N, C-alpha and C. Protein backbone atom coordinates (compact mmCIF):
# COMPACT_ATOMS: atom_id res chain seq x y z
N MET A 1 -7.84 -5.61 8.01
CA MET A 1 -6.97 -4.29 7.10
C MET A 1 -7.60 -2.88 7.57
N ASP A 2 -5.81 -1.38 7.56
CA ASP A 2 -6.16 -1.18 8.66
C ASP A 2 -6.85 0.16 7.39
N GLY A 3 -7.01 1.72 7.99
CA GLY A 3 -7.93 2.64 6.71
C GLY A 3 -6.61 2.56 5.84
N VAL A 4 -5.18 2.90 6.33
CA VAL A 4 -4.19 3.44 4.94
C VAL A 4 -3.91 1.75 4.47
N THR A 5 -3.44 1.16 4.88
CA THR A 5 -3.46 -0.06 4.49
C THR A 5 -4.71 -0.09 2.84
N LYS A 6 -5.35 0.15 3.43
CA LYS A 6 -6.92 -0.85 2.25
C LYS A 6 -6.58 0.74 1.33
N ASN A 7 -6.60 1.84 1.71
CA ASN A 7 -6.08 3.50 1.09
C ASN A 7 -5.13 2.62 0.06
N ILE A 8 -4.08 2.32 0.09
CA ILE A 8 -3.30 2.27 -1.02
C ILE A 8 -3.45 1.14 -2.02
N ALA A 9 -4.32 -0.22 -1.02
CA ALA A 9 -4.47 -0.95 -1.56
C ALA A 9 -5.93 -0.78 -2.65
N ASP A 10 -6.28 0.11 -2.71
CA ASP A 10 -7.37 0.31 -3.30
C ASP A 10 -6.75 1.51 -4.25
N TYR A 11 -6.05 2.05 -4.35
CA TYR A 11 -4.95 2.85 -4.90
C TYR A 11 -4.76 2.20 -6.47
N VAL A 12 -4.26 1.15 -5.10
CA VAL A 12 -2.52 0.69 -6.53
C VAL A 12 -4.15 -0.27 -7.36
N ALA A 13 -4.96 -1.05 -7.05
CA ALA A 13 -5.83 -1.43 -7.77
C ALA A 13 -6.65 -0.59 -8.58
N LYS A 14 -7.05 0.07 -8.04
CA LYS A 14 -7.23 1.13 -9.69
C LYS A 14 -6.80 1.96 -10.36
N LYS A 15 -5.24 1.95 -9.81
CA LYS A 15 -4.35 2.04 -10.85
C LYS A 15 -3.54 1.27 -11.92
N ARG A 16 -4.08 0.09 -11.61
CA ARG A 16 -3.26 -1.04 -12.18
C ARG A 16 -1.94 -1.76 -11.62
N ILE A 17 -1.32 -0.82 -10.45
CA ILE A 17 -0.20 -0.95 -10.51
C ILE A 17 0.61 -2.23 -10.44
N ASN A 18 1.57 -2.28 -11.43
CA ASN A 18 1.91 -3.97 -10.63
C ASN A 18 2.52 -4.22 -9.65
N LEU A 19 2.52 -5.29 -9.34
CA LEU A 19 3.59 -5.70 -8.11
C LEU A 19 4.81 -6.07 -7.86
N SER A 20 4.93 -6.51 -9.28
CA SER A 20 6.05 -7.52 -9.15
C SER A 20 7.04 -5.63 -9.42
N ALA A 21 6.74 -5.16 -10.32
CA ALA A 21 7.52 -4.05 -10.44
C ALA A 21 7.56 -3.06 -9.32
N MET A 22 6.60 -2.81 -8.41
CA MET A 22 7.00 -2.14 -7.06
C MET A 22 7.88 -2.72 -6.28
N ALA A 23 7.59 -4.23 -6.34
CA ALA A 23 8.43 -4.93 -5.31
C ALA A 23 10.15 -5.14 -5.18
N ARG A 24 10.26 -5.15 -7.06
CA ARG A 24 11.85 -4.65 -7.92
C ARG A 24 12.08 -3.80 -7.61
N ASP A 25 11.29 -2.03 -7.31
CA ASP A 25 12.04 -0.83 -7.22
C ASP A 25 11.66 -0.72 -5.67
N THR A 26 10.77 -0.95 -4.67
CA THR A 26 10.95 -1.04 -3.41
C THR A 26 11.77 -1.93 -2.68
N GLY A 27 12.16 -2.70 -3.38
CA GLY A 27 13.30 -3.51 -2.68
C GLY A 27 12.26 -4.65 -1.68
N ILE A 28 10.60 -4.11 -1.20
CA ILE A 28 9.87 -5.33 -0.49
C ILE A 28 9.38 -6.17 -1.32
N SER A 29 9.47 -7.54 -0.75
CA SER A 29 9.56 -8.91 -1.04
C SER A 29 8.00 -8.61 -1.93
N TYR A 30 7.74 -9.12 -2.66
CA TYR A 30 6.25 -9.56 -3.74
C TYR A 30 5.61 -10.01 -2.75
N SER A 31 5.78 -11.30 -2.18
CA SER A 31 4.83 -11.18 -1.21
C SER A 31 4.77 -11.15 0.10
N ALA A 32 5.02 -9.81 0.62
CA ALA A 32 4.93 -9.48 1.11
C ALA A 32 3.25 -7.80 0.47
N LEU A 33 4.28 -7.40 -0.15
CA LEU A 33 3.25 -6.03 -0.52
C LEU A 33 1.98 -7.19 -1.33
N TYR A 34 1.79 -8.36 -1.47
CA TYR A 34 0.61 -9.02 -1.90
C TYR A 34 0.15 -9.42 -0.53
N ALA A 35 0.81 -9.68 0.62
CA ALA A 35 -0.32 -10.07 1.33
C ALA A 35 -0.74 -8.66 1.93
N SER A 36 0.21 -7.53 2.05
CA SER A 36 -0.31 -6.56 2.17
C SER A 36 -2.02 -5.77 1.79
N LEU A 37 -1.22 -5.40 0.06
CA LEU A 37 -2.17 -5.06 -0.79
C LEU A 37 -3.35 -5.77 -1.22
N MET A 38 -3.40 -7.12 -1.57
CA MET A 38 -3.84 -7.55 -2.51
C MET A 38 -4.90 -8.72 -1.58
N ASP A 39 -4.15 -9.80 -0.63
CA ASP A 39 -4.72 -10.94 -0.10
C ASP A 39 -5.35 -10.41 1.66
N GLU A 40 -6.59 -9.80 2.01
CA GLU A 40 -7.48 -10.02 2.50
C GLU A 40 -7.70 -11.12 3.91
N ASN A 41 -7.42 -11.63 3.26
CA ASN A 41 -7.50 -12.99 4.02
C ASN A 41 -5.95 -12.79 5.38
N LYS A 42 -5.03 -12.42 4.84
CA LYS A 42 -3.92 -12.78 5.37
C LYS A 42 -4.07 -11.10 6.12
N GLY A 43 -4.69 -10.38 6.03
CA GLY A 43 -4.96 -9.26 6.93
C GLY A 43 -3.88 -8.32 7.65
N ARG A 44 -2.31 -8.49 6.25
CA ARG A 44 -1.08 -7.64 6.55
C ARG A 44 -0.82 -6.45 6.94
N GLU A 45 -0.78 -5.38 7.85
CA GLU A 45 -0.56 -4.09 7.33
C GLU A 45 0.90 -3.85 6.94
N ILE A 46 0.25 -2.99 5.92
CA ILE A 46 1.76 -1.66 5.75
C ILE A 46 3.00 -1.63 6.61
N ARG A 47 4.27 -1.74 6.80
CA ARG A 47 4.72 -1.20 7.62
C ARG A 47 5.48 0.16 7.34
N GLY A 48 5.77 1.15 8.42
CA GLY A 48 5.99 2.15 8.20
C GLY A 48 7.52 2.39 6.98
N ARG A 49 8.61 1.71 7.41
CA ARG A 49 9.98 1.47 6.22
C ARG A 49 8.68 1.31 4.64
N GLU A 50 8.14 0.71 4.66
CA GLU A 50 7.11 -0.14 3.56
C GLU A 50 6.42 0.94 2.91
N LEU A 51 5.61 2.31 3.60
CA LEU A 51 4.86 2.70 3.43
C LEU A 51 5.27 3.71 3.03
N LEU A 52 6.56 3.87 3.49
CA LEU A 52 7.51 4.84 2.69
C LEU A 52 7.96 5.07 1.08
N ALA A 53 8.46 3.41 1.18
CA ALA A 53 8.85 3.00 0.16
C ALA A 53 7.88 3.08 -1.59
N VAL A 54 6.61 2.93 -0.37
CA VAL A 54 5.62 2.57 -1.60
C VAL A 54 5.35 3.55 -2.28
N CYS A 55 5.50 4.59 -1.58
CA CYS A 55 4.51 5.66 -2.00
C CYS A 55 5.69 6.81 -2.89
N ALA A 56 6.81 6.36 -2.18
CA ALA A 56 8.01 7.03 -3.20
C ALA A 56 7.75 6.26 -4.69
N PHE A 57 7.60 5.39 -4.64
CA PHE A 57 7.65 4.46 -6.00
C PHE A 57 6.11 5.05 -6.77
N LEU A 58 5.73 5.11 -5.81
CA LEU A 58 4.08 5.44 -6.64
C LEU A 58 4.31 7.33 -7.00
N ASN A 59 5.35 8.04 -6.27
CA ASN A 59 5.22 9.59 -6.55
C ASN A 59 3.37 9.92 -5.94
N VAL A 60 3.74 9.14 -4.71
CA VAL A 60 2.43 10.24 -3.75
C VAL A 60 2.63 10.70 -2.53
N ASP A 61 2.27 11.59 -1.79
CA ASP A 61 2.69 11.92 -0.13
C ASP A 61 1.72 11.45 0.31
N PRO A 62 2.74 10.44 1.10
CA PRO A 62 2.56 9.71 2.39
C PRO A 62 0.46 10.23 3.45
N MET A 63 0.49 11.17 3.39
CA MET A 63 -0.71 11.72 4.05
C MET A 63 -2.13 11.63 3.31
N ASP A 64 -1.47 11.60 2.02
CA ASP A 64 -2.66 10.91 0.81
C ASP A 64 -3.53 9.67 1.52
N PHE A 65 -3.26 8.73 1.44
CA PHE A 65 -3.40 7.27 1.78
C PHE A 65 -3.70 7.93 3.70
N ALA A 66 -3.62 8.50 4.67
CA ALA A 66 -3.86 9.00 5.80
C ALA A 66 -5.39 8.73 5.99
N GLU A 67 -5.96 8.17 6.69
CA GLU A 67 -7.39 7.73 7.25
C GLU A 67 -8.04 9.68 7.37
N LYS A 68 -9.41 9.66 6.95
CA LYS A 68 -10.08 11.00 6.74
C LYS A 68 -10.45 10.54 8.67
N LYS A 69 -11.01 11.86 8.67
CA LYS A 69 -11.99 11.64 10.62
C LYS A 69 -13.25 12.22 9.69
N ARG A 70 -13.71 11.21 10.48
CA ARG A 70 -15.63 11.02 9.96
C ARG A 70 -15.74 12.78 10.42
N GLU A 71 -16.73 13.33 9.61
CA GLU A 71 -17.65 14.30 10.24
C GLU A 71 -18.96 13.98 10.99
N GLU A 72 -19.15 14.24 11.78
CA GLU A 72 -20.04 14.30 12.63
C GLU A 72 -21.27 15.05 12.65
C-alpha cells in the first residue's frame, strides 16, 4: 500500500467511516474500496478518480493525504 492509500485507510479507520455509505455516495464499488483501504493482502492502490471521489465524500483536501517529505 502506498503512502496516499495508507493515509486514507488510516483516516477512514480512525474516523470509523462506513465503507458501504462511501461506496453508495461515491459510486465506487464496495469491493474496490475494501481492497484499497481495508485488505492489506490485496495491495490495491486507490485510483485517481477514486481519490477525488473519496476526498469529496470525506470533505477533505486530497493534499491532506499526500506523502510528507522526510526531513533529513
